[in-house]
């Protein structure tokens, strides 16, 4: 059990408390063994990570910038809440490469497929302005920037300078 404790006039500390009851042969409690572990550093790191995650989410929402990533071996991926919002979809859903590419058609589809293929095969980044179709509305233009890290391919989506 993790709990926050305060000693009189002292610092706040998060501790993890574990207690075991040692029993006699007849089942009566004989004694207890307790361990207390200071987890303040871990809790502060979790709070900092949570703060930065929320800041990044809000920044993406305001700037209409999101990210998606997929595993080049399986094609399965995930996306940020903002990419899902751009697509008019539920952010809790999952994505994959084929699904993401389905939002492009015609010349835009051919260009993104070529760019993704080159990124996977040779590590070539891309910066494209493409026509994209939302799930519930008409088409609009988006700038897509992608760069392949060592493992999965990461692609970012943001508004283009040109409106619908």
N, C-alpha and C. Protein backbone atom coordinates (compact mmCIF):
# COMPACT_ATOMS: atom_id res chain seq x y z
N UNK A 1 0.84 -1.17 0.00
CA UNK A 1 0.00 0.00 0.00
C UNK A 1 0.89 1.23 0.00
N UNK A 2 0.68 2.14 -0.94
CA UNK A 2 1.44 3.38 -1.00
C UNK A 2 0.63 4.46 -0.30
N UNK A 3 1.29 5.25 0.50
CA UNK A 3 0.62 6.33 1.22
C UNK A 3 1.56 7.50 1.38
N UNK A 4 1.00 8.68 1.52
CA UNK A 4 1.78 9.88 1.72
C UNK A 4 1.82 10.16 3.22
N UNK A 5 3.00 10.40 3.75
CA UNK A 5 3.12 10.66 5.19
C UNK A 5 3.84 11.98 5.42
N UNK A 6 3.52 12.61 6.55
CA UNK A 6 4.18 13.85 6.94
C UNK A 6 4.57 13.74 8.41
N UNK A 7 5.85 13.90 8.67
CA UNK A 7 6.30 13.97 10.06
C UNK A 7 6.23 15.43 10.48
N UNK A 8 6.01 15.68 11.75
CA UNK A 8 5.83 17.05 12.25
C UNK A 8 6.96 17.96 11.77
N UNK A 9 6.61 18.93 10.92
CA UNK A 9 7.57 19.89 10.43
C UNK A 9 8.58 19.33 9.44
N UNK A 10 8.39 18.12 9.02
CA UNK A 10 9.34 17.48 8.12
C UNK A 10 8.81 17.49 6.69
N UNK A 11 9.55 16.87 5.81
CA UNK A 11 9.16 16.79 4.41
C UNK A 11 8.04 15.77 4.21
N UNK A 12 7.34 15.92 3.12
CA UNK A 12 6.33 14.94 2.74
C UNK A 12 7.05 13.77 2.09
N UNK A 13 6.71 12.58 2.49
CA UNK A 13 7.32 11.40 1.91
C UNK A 13 6.24 10.41 1.50
N UNK A 14 6.43 9.80 0.36
CA UNK A 14 5.58 8.70 -0.07
C UNK A 14 6.28 7.42 0.34
N UNK A 15 5.52 6.53 0.94
CA UNK A 15 6.09 5.26 1.36
C UNK A 15 5.19 4.11 0.92
N UNK A 16 5.82 2.99 0.67
CA UNK A 16 5.10 1.77 0.35
C UNK A 16 5.20 0.89 1.60
N UNK A 17 4.07 0.52 2.16
CA UNK A 17 4.04 -0.25 3.40
C UNK A 17 3.51 -1.65 3.10
N UNK A 18 4.27 -2.66 3.51
CA UNK A 18 3.85 -4.06 3.39
C UNK A 18 3.89 -4.68 4.78
N UNK A 19 2.85 -5.40 5.14
CA UNK A 19 2.79 -6.02 6.46
C UNK A 19 2.33 -7.47 6.31
N UNK A 20 3.00 -8.33 7.03
CA UNK A 20 2.66 -9.75 7.05
C UNK A 20 2.42 -10.17 8.49
N UNK A 21 1.39 -10.94 8.71
CA UNK A 21 1.11 -11.47 10.05
C UNK A 21 1.65 -12.89 10.14
N UNK A 22 2.46 -13.13 11.14
CA UNK A 22 2.99 -14.46 11.42
C UNK A 22 2.05 -15.09 12.46
N UNK A 23 1.58 -16.29 12.19
CA UNK A 23 0.61 -16.93 13.08
C UNK A 23 1.21 -18.16 13.76
N UNK A 24 0.67 -18.45 14.95
CA UNK A 24 1.00 -19.70 15.66
C UNK A 24 0.39 -20.87 14.89
N UNK A 25 0.74 -22.06 15.26
CA UNK A 25 0.21 -23.26 14.62
C UNK A 25 -1.32 -23.31 14.69
N UNK A 26 -1.91 -22.76 15.72
CA UNK A 26 -3.37 -22.77 15.89
C UNK A 26 -4.04 -21.62 15.13
N UNK A 27 -3.24 -20.79 14.43
CA UNK A 27 -3.82 -19.71 13.64
C UNK A 27 -3.88 -18.36 14.33
N UNK A 28 -3.52 -18.30 15.63
CA UNK A 28 -3.54 -17.03 16.34
C UNK A 28 -2.36 -16.17 15.88
N UNK A 29 -2.55 -14.86 15.74
CA UNK A 29 -1.44 -13.97 15.38
C UNK A 29 -0.35 -14.02 16.46
N UNK A 30 0.89 -14.17 16.01
CA UNK A 30 2.03 -14.19 16.93
C UNK A 30 2.79 -12.87 16.86
N UNK A 31 3.02 -12.40 15.67
CA UNK A 31 3.72 -11.13 15.49
C UNK A 31 3.49 -10.64 14.06
N UNK A 32 3.94 -9.46 13.80
CA UNK A 32 3.85 -8.90 12.45
C UNK A 32 5.23 -8.51 11.96
N UNK A 33 5.39 -8.59 10.69
CA UNK A 33 6.62 -8.11 10.06
C UNK A 33 6.18 -7.04 9.07
N UNK A 34 6.79 -5.86 9.17
CA UNK A 34 6.43 -4.76 8.29
C UNK A 34 7.68 -4.23 7.60
N UNK A 35 7.50 -3.83 6.36
CA UNK A 35 8.56 -3.14 5.63
C UNK A 35 8.00 -1.82 5.15
N UNK A 36 8.81 -0.81 5.22
CA UNK A 36 8.43 0.52 4.75
C UNK A 36 9.50 0.97 3.77
N UNK A 37 9.07 1.26 2.56
CA UNK A 37 9.99 1.67 1.51
C UNK A 37 9.66 3.10 1.10
N UNK A 38 10.66 3.98 1.10
CA UNK A 38 10.47 5.36 0.66
C UNK A 38 10.41 5.38 -0.86
N UNK A 39 9.24 5.74 -1.40
CA UNK A 39 9.05 5.79 -2.86
C UNK A 39 8.80 7.23 -3.32
N UNK A 40 9.26 8.20 -2.54
CA UNK A 40 9.03 9.60 -2.85
C UNK A 40 9.62 9.96 -4.21
N UNK A 41 10.83 9.50 -4.50
CA UNK A 41 11.45 9.81 -5.79
C UNK A 41 10.63 9.29 -6.95
N UNK A 42 10.14 8.06 -6.83
CA UNK A 42 9.32 7.49 -7.89
C UNK A 42 8.03 8.27 -8.07
N UNK A 43 7.38 8.64 -6.98
CA UNK A 43 6.12 9.39 -7.06
C UNK A 43 6.34 10.76 -7.69
N UNK A 44 7.44 11.43 -7.33
CA UNK A 44 7.73 12.74 -7.94
C UNK A 44 7.99 12.58 -9.43
N UNK A 45 8.69 11.52 -9.83
CA UNK A 45 8.94 11.27 -11.25
C UNK A 45 7.62 11.01 -11.98
N UNK A 46 6.71 10.25 -11.36
CA UNK A 46 5.40 9.99 -11.96
C UNK A 46 4.61 11.28 -12.13
N UNK A 47 4.65 12.16 -11.12
CA UNK A 47 3.93 13.42 -11.19
C UNK A 47 4.51 14.33 -12.28
N UNK A 48 5.83 14.35 -12.39
CA UNK A 48 6.48 15.14 -13.43
C UNK A 48 6.13 14.62 -14.81
N UNK A 49 6.17 13.31 -14.98
CA UNK A 49 5.81 12.71 -16.27
C UNK A 49 4.36 13.01 -16.62
N UNK A 50 3.47 12.93 -15.64
CA UNK A 50 2.06 13.21 -15.87
C UNK A 50 1.86 14.67 -16.28
N UNK A 51 2.56 15.57 -15.62
CA UNK A 51 2.47 16.99 -15.95
C UNK A 51 2.93 17.23 -17.39
N UNK A 52 4.08 16.66 -17.76
CA UNK A 52 4.61 16.86 -19.11
C UNK A 52 3.71 16.20 -20.17
N UNK A 53 3.13 15.07 -19.85
CA UNK A 53 2.20 14.42 -20.78
C UNK A 53 0.99 15.31 -21.03
N UNK A 54 0.44 15.90 -19.98
CA UNK A 54 -0.71 16.78 -20.13
C UNK A 54 -0.32 18.05 -20.90
N UNK A 55 0.86 18.59 -20.63
CA UNK A 55 1.33 19.77 -21.35
C UNK A 55 1.48 19.47 -22.84
N UNK A 56 2.05 18.32 -23.17
CA UNK A 56 2.22 17.93 -24.56
C UNK A 56 0.86 17.71 -25.23
N UNK A 57 -0.07 17.09 -24.53
CA UNK A 57 -1.42 16.86 -25.07
C UNK A 57 -2.11 18.20 -25.37
N UNK A 58 -2.02 19.14 -24.43
CA UNK A 58 -2.67 20.44 -24.62
C UNK A 58 -1.99 21.23 -25.74
N UNK A 59 -0.67 21.15 -25.83
CA UNK A 59 0.05 21.82 -26.90
C UNK A 59 -0.38 21.26 -28.25
N UNK A 60 -0.48 19.95 -28.36
CA UNK A 60 -0.93 19.33 -29.60
C UNK A 60 -2.34 19.74 -29.96
N UNK A 61 -3.21 19.82 -28.96
CA UNK A 61 -4.60 20.24 -29.21
C UNK A 61 -4.65 21.66 -29.74
N UNK A 62 -3.91 22.57 -29.09
CA UNK A 62 -3.93 23.97 -29.52
C UNK A 62 -3.32 24.16 -30.90
N UNK A 63 -2.25 23.45 -31.19
CA UNK A 63 -1.56 23.59 -32.47
C UNK A 63 -2.11 22.67 -33.55
N UNK A 64 -3.01 21.77 -33.17
CA UNK A 64 -3.55 20.75 -34.07
C UNK A 64 -2.42 19.92 -34.68
N UNK A 65 -1.56 19.44 -33.79
CA UNK A 65 -0.44 18.58 -34.19
C UNK A 65 -0.55 17.29 -33.39
N UNK A 66 -0.43 16.19 -34.08
CA UNK A 66 -0.48 14.90 -33.41
C UNK A 66 0.56 13.97 -33.98
N UNK A 67 0.65 12.81 -33.42
CA UNK A 67 1.63 11.85 -33.89
C UNK A 67 1.05 10.45 -33.94
N UNK A 68 1.58 9.65 -34.83
CA UNK A 68 1.22 8.23 -34.88
C UNK A 68 2.49 7.44 -35.12
N UNK A 69 2.47 6.25 -34.64
CA UNK A 69 3.63 5.39 -34.75
C UNK A 69 3.14 3.98 -35.06
N UNK A 70 3.90 3.27 -35.88
CA UNK A 70 3.53 1.89 -36.14
C UNK A 70 4.78 1.03 -36.21
N UNK A 71 4.58 -0.22 -35.93
CA UNK A 71 5.65 -1.22 -35.98
C UNK A 71 5.81 -1.65 -37.43
N UNK A 72 7.00 -1.49 -37.98
CA UNK A 72 7.20 -1.81 -39.39
C UNK A 72 7.05 -3.30 -39.68
N UNK A 73 7.20 -4.15 -38.68
CA UNK A 73 7.05 -5.59 -38.89
C UNK A 73 5.60 -6.04 -38.93
N UNK A 74 4.76 -5.46 -38.07
CA UNK A 74 3.37 -5.89 -37.98
C UNK A 74 2.40 -4.92 -38.64
N UNK A 75 2.79 -3.66 -38.77
CA UNK A 75 1.89 -2.63 -39.28
C UNK A 75 0.97 -2.07 -38.22
N UNK A 76 0.95 -2.67 -37.02
CA UNK A 76 0.09 -2.19 -35.94
C UNK A 76 0.67 -0.91 -35.33
N UNK A 77 -0.20 -0.04 -34.89
CA UNK A 77 0.29 1.21 -34.36
C UNK A 77 -0.65 1.86 -33.37
N UNK A 78 -0.24 3.02 -32.92
CA UNK A 78 -1.04 3.85 -32.02
C UNK A 78 -0.94 5.29 -32.49
N UNK A 79 -1.86 6.10 -32.03
CA UNK A 79 -1.82 7.51 -32.37
C UNK A 79 -2.21 8.35 -31.17
N UNK A 80 -1.89 9.63 -31.24
CA UNK A 80 -2.23 10.53 -30.16
C UNK A 80 -3.70 10.92 -30.26
N UNK A 81 -4.20 11.49 -29.18
CA UNK A 81 -5.59 11.95 -29.16
C UNK A 81 -5.84 12.96 -30.28
N UNK A 82 -4.85 13.80 -30.55
CA UNK A 82 -5.05 14.85 -31.56
C UNK A 82 -5.16 14.27 -32.96
N UNK A 83 -4.39 13.25 -33.30
CA UNK A 83 -4.53 12.62 -34.62
C UNK A 83 -5.92 12.02 -34.74
N UNK A 84 -6.39 11.36 -33.70
CA UNK A 84 -7.74 10.80 -33.74
C UNK A 84 -8.77 11.92 -33.94
N UNK A 85 -8.58 13.04 -33.25
CA UNK A 85 -9.50 14.17 -33.40
C UNK A 85 -9.47 14.71 -34.83
N UNK A 86 -8.27 14.82 -35.41
CA UNK A 86 -8.14 15.29 -36.79
C UNK A 86 -8.93 14.39 -37.73
N UNK A 87 -8.93 13.09 -37.44
CA UNK A 87 -9.67 12.12 -38.26
C UNK A 87 -11.14 12.00 -37.88
N UNK A 88 -11.59 12.72 -36.86
CA UNK A 88 -12.95 12.60 -36.33
C UNK A 88 -13.22 11.20 -35.79
N UNK A 89 -12.24 10.60 -35.13
CA UNK A 89 -12.37 9.25 -34.59
C UNK A 89 -12.13 9.23 -33.09
N UNK A 90 -12.50 8.15 -32.46
CA UNK A 90 -12.31 7.95 -31.04
C UNK A 90 -10.82 7.70 -30.76
N UNK A 91 -10.25 8.45 -29.84
CA UNK A 91 -8.82 8.31 -29.53
C UNK A 91 -8.51 6.98 -28.85
N UNK A 92 -9.51 6.31 -28.31
CA UNK A 92 -9.27 5.03 -27.65
C UNK A 92 -9.04 3.90 -28.65
N UNK A 93 -9.41 4.12 -29.89
CA UNK A 93 -9.24 3.09 -30.90
C UNK A 93 -7.78 2.92 -31.29
N UNK A 94 -7.49 1.79 -31.88
CA UNK A 94 -6.12 1.55 -32.33
C UNK A 94 -6.05 1.79 -33.83
N UNK A 95 -4.86 1.79 -34.35
CA UNK A 95 -4.67 2.02 -35.78
C UNK A 95 -3.63 1.06 -36.32
N UNK A 96 -3.51 1.05 -37.60
CA UNK A 96 -2.44 0.31 -38.26
C UNK A 96 -2.11 1.06 -39.54
N UNK A 97 -1.05 0.65 -40.19
CA UNK A 97 -0.59 1.37 -41.38
C UNK A 97 -1.66 1.43 -42.47
N UNK A 98 -2.30 0.31 -42.76
CA UNK A 98 -3.33 0.29 -43.81
C UNK A 98 -4.48 1.24 -43.48
N UNK A 99 -4.91 1.22 -42.22
CA UNK A 99 -6.01 2.10 -41.79
C UNK A 99 -5.60 3.55 -41.97
N UNK A 100 -4.40 3.91 -41.53
CA UNK A 100 -3.94 5.29 -41.65
C UNK A 100 -3.84 5.71 -43.12
N UNK A 101 -3.34 4.84 -43.96
CA UNK A 101 -3.22 5.16 -45.39
C UNK A 101 -4.59 5.28 -46.06
N UNK A 102 -5.62 4.67 -45.48
CA UNK A 102 -6.96 4.73 -46.09
C UNK A 102 -7.56 6.13 -46.07
N UNK A 103 -6.95 7.05 -45.32
CA UNK A 103 -7.44 8.43 -45.28
C UNK A 103 -6.92 9.25 -46.45
N UNK A 104 -6.15 8.63 -47.33
CA UNK A 104 -5.59 9.30 -48.50
C UNK A 104 -6.08 8.59 -49.75
N UNK A 105 -6.29 9.35 -50.81
CA UNK A 105 -6.70 8.73 -52.08
C UNK A 105 -5.97 9.41 -53.22
N UNK A 106 -6.04 8.77 -54.37
CA UNK A 106 -5.45 9.35 -55.58
C UNK A 106 -3.97 9.61 -55.45
N UNK A 107 -3.57 10.78 -55.94
CA UNK A 107 -2.16 11.16 -55.92
C UNK A 107 -1.61 11.23 -54.49
N UNK A 108 -2.41 11.71 -53.55
CA UNK A 108 -1.96 11.78 -52.16
C UNK A 108 -1.64 10.40 -51.61
N UNK A 109 -2.47 9.43 -51.92
CA UNK A 109 -2.24 8.06 -51.46
C UNK A 109 -0.94 7.51 -52.05
N UNK A 110 -0.73 7.72 -53.33
CA UNK A 110 0.48 7.23 -53.98
C UNK A 110 1.73 7.88 -53.36
N UNK A 111 1.65 9.17 -53.10
CA UNK A 111 2.81 9.88 -52.53
C UNK A 111 3.14 9.41 -51.12
N UNK A 112 2.10 9.22 -50.28
CA UNK A 112 2.39 8.79 -48.90
C UNK A 112 2.86 7.34 -48.88
N UNK A 113 2.31 6.49 -49.72
CA UNK A 113 2.77 5.10 -49.79
C UNK A 113 4.25 5.04 -50.20
N UNK A 114 4.62 5.83 -51.19
CA UNK A 114 6.02 5.87 -51.63
C UNK A 114 6.92 6.39 -50.51
N UNK A 115 6.49 7.45 -49.84
CA UNK A 115 7.30 8.04 -48.78
C UNK A 115 7.48 7.06 -47.62
N UNK A 116 6.42 6.38 -47.22
CA UNK A 116 6.52 5.41 -46.13
C UNK A 116 7.43 4.25 -46.53
N UNK A 117 7.28 3.77 -47.76
CA UNK A 117 8.12 2.67 -48.24
C UNK A 117 9.59 3.07 -48.20
N UNK A 118 9.91 4.26 -48.68
CA UNK A 118 11.30 4.74 -48.68
C UNK A 118 11.82 4.95 -47.26
N UNK A 119 10.95 5.39 -46.37
CA UNK A 119 11.35 5.58 -44.98
C UNK A 119 11.69 4.23 -44.34
N UNK A 120 10.88 3.24 -44.61
CA UNK A 120 11.13 1.91 -44.05
C UNK A 120 12.39 1.29 -44.65
N UNK A 121 12.52 1.37 -45.97
CA UNK A 121 13.62 0.69 -46.65
C UNK A 121 14.96 1.39 -46.52
N UNK A 122 14.96 2.72 -46.54
CA UNK A 122 16.25 3.42 -46.55
C UNK A 122 16.40 4.46 -45.44
N UNK A 123 15.38 4.63 -44.60
CA UNK A 123 15.48 5.60 -43.52
C UNK A 123 15.29 7.03 -43.97
N UNK A 124 14.73 7.22 -45.15
CA UNK A 124 14.54 8.56 -45.70
C UNK A 124 13.33 9.24 -45.05
N UNK A 125 13.55 10.41 -44.42
CA UNK A 125 12.41 11.14 -43.84
C UNK A 125 11.57 11.78 -44.94
N UNK A 126 10.37 12.21 -44.59
CA UNK A 126 9.53 12.87 -45.58
C UNK A 126 8.82 14.07 -44.98
N UNK A 127 8.43 15.00 -45.84
CA UNK A 127 7.70 16.21 -45.48
C UNK A 127 6.76 16.49 -46.64
N UNK A 128 5.50 16.10 -46.51
CA UNK A 128 4.55 16.16 -47.61
C UNK A 128 3.32 16.97 -47.22
N UNK A 129 2.76 17.68 -48.18
CA UNK A 129 1.45 18.29 -48.00
C UNK A 129 0.49 17.48 -48.87
N UNK A 130 -0.50 16.86 -48.22
CA UNK A 130 -1.38 15.92 -48.91
C UNK A 130 -2.84 16.23 -48.64
N UNK A 131 -3.68 15.80 -49.56
CA UNK A 131 -5.14 15.86 -49.37
C UNK A 131 -5.54 14.65 -48.54
N UNK A 132 -6.28 14.90 -47.48
CA UNK A 132 -6.67 13.85 -46.55
C UNK A 132 -8.18 13.87 -46.40
N UNK A 133 -8.79 12.75 -46.17
CA UNK A 133 -10.24 12.67 -46.00
C UNK A 133 -10.54 12.28 -44.56
N UNK A 134 -11.38 13.07 -43.91
CA UNK A 134 -11.81 12.74 -42.55
C UNK A 134 -12.87 11.65 -42.63
N UNK A 135 -13.10 11.00 -41.50
CA UNK A 135 -14.10 9.95 -41.50
C UNK A 135 -15.51 10.50 -41.65
N UNK A 136 -15.76 11.74 -41.18
CA UNK A 136 -17.12 12.26 -41.18
C UNK A 136 -17.29 13.53 -42.01
N UNK A 137 -16.23 14.07 -42.54
CA UNK A 137 -16.33 15.32 -43.29
C UNK A 137 -15.59 15.17 -44.61
N UNK A 138 -15.58 16.24 -45.38
CA UNK A 138 -14.90 16.20 -46.66
C UNK A 138 -13.39 16.25 -46.51
N UNK A 139 -12.73 16.43 -47.64
CA UNK A 139 -11.27 16.44 -47.66
C UNK A 139 -10.70 17.75 -47.12
N UNK A 140 -9.46 17.70 -46.73
CA UNK A 140 -8.73 18.88 -46.30
C UNK A 140 -7.25 18.57 -46.46
N UNK A 141 -6.44 19.60 -46.45
CA UNK A 141 -5.01 19.42 -46.65
C UNK A 141 -4.30 19.36 -45.31
N UNK A 142 -3.30 18.50 -45.26
CA UNK A 142 -2.48 18.35 -44.07
C UNK A 142 -1.03 18.22 -44.49
N UNK A 143 -0.16 18.72 -43.63
CA UNK A 143 1.27 18.51 -43.82
C UNK A 143 1.65 17.29 -43.00
N UNK A 144 2.29 16.34 -43.61
CA UNK A 144 2.76 15.16 -42.90
C UNK A 144 4.28 15.15 -42.93
N UNK A 145 4.84 14.99 -41.76
CA UNK A 145 6.29 14.87 -41.65
C UNK A 145 6.58 13.54 -40.99
N UNK A 146 7.51 12.84 -41.52
CA UNK A 146 7.84 11.55 -40.94
C UNK A 146 9.34 11.34 -40.89
N UNK A 147 9.74 10.61 -39.89
CA UNK A 147 11.14 10.22 -39.78
C UNK A 147 11.18 8.86 -39.15
N UNK A 148 11.97 7.98 -39.68
CA UNK A 148 12.06 6.64 -39.12
C UNK A 148 13.13 6.54 -38.05
N UNK A 149 12.76 6.27 -36.81
CA UNK A 149 13.77 5.96 -35.81
C UNK A 149 14.28 4.53 -36.04
N UNK A 150 15.10 4.06 -35.16
CA UNK A 150 15.70 2.73 -35.33
C UNK A 150 14.66 1.63 -35.41
N UNK A 151 13.58 1.71 -34.64
CA UNK A 151 12.58 0.64 -34.59
C UNK A 151 11.35 1.00 -35.42
N UNK A 152 10.28 1.56 -34.79
CA UNK A 152 9.08 1.84 -35.56
C UNK A 152 9.20 3.15 -36.34
N UNK A 153 8.28 3.37 -37.24
CA UNK A 153 8.23 4.59 -38.03
C UNK A 153 7.32 5.58 -37.34
N UNK A 154 7.78 6.79 -37.18
CA UNK A 154 7.02 7.83 -36.52
C UNK A 154 6.61 8.87 -37.55
N UNK A 155 5.35 9.23 -37.58
CA UNK A 155 4.88 10.25 -38.52
C UNK A 155 4.06 11.27 -37.77
N UNK A 156 4.20 12.52 -38.13
CA UNK A 156 3.45 13.59 -37.48
C UNK A 156 2.49 14.21 -38.47
N UNK A 157 1.36 14.67 -37.98
CA UNK A 157 0.36 15.31 -38.81
C UNK A 157 0.06 16.68 -38.22
N UNK A 158 0.03 17.69 -39.06
CA UNK A 158 -0.31 19.02 -38.57
C UNK A 158 -1.04 19.76 -39.67
N UNK A 159 -1.72 20.87 -39.32
CA UNK A 159 -2.47 21.61 -40.33
C UNK A 159 -1.53 22.22 -41.38
N UNK A 160 -1.99 22.25 -42.59
CA UNK A 160 -1.25 22.93 -43.65
C UNK A 160 -1.57 24.41 -43.61
N UNK A 161 -0.79 25.18 -44.31
CA UNK A 161 -1.03 26.62 -44.36
C UNK A 161 -2.29 26.93 -45.16
N UNK A 162 -2.72 26.02 -46.01
CA UNK A 162 -3.90 26.26 -46.83
C UNK A 162 -5.14 25.66 -46.16
N UNK A 163 -6.24 26.41 -46.10
CA UNK A 163 -7.47 25.86 -45.50
C UNK A 163 -8.12 24.85 -46.44
N UNK A 164 -9.25 24.25 -45.96
CA UNK A 164 -9.98 23.22 -46.73
C UNK A 164 -10.06 23.54 -48.18
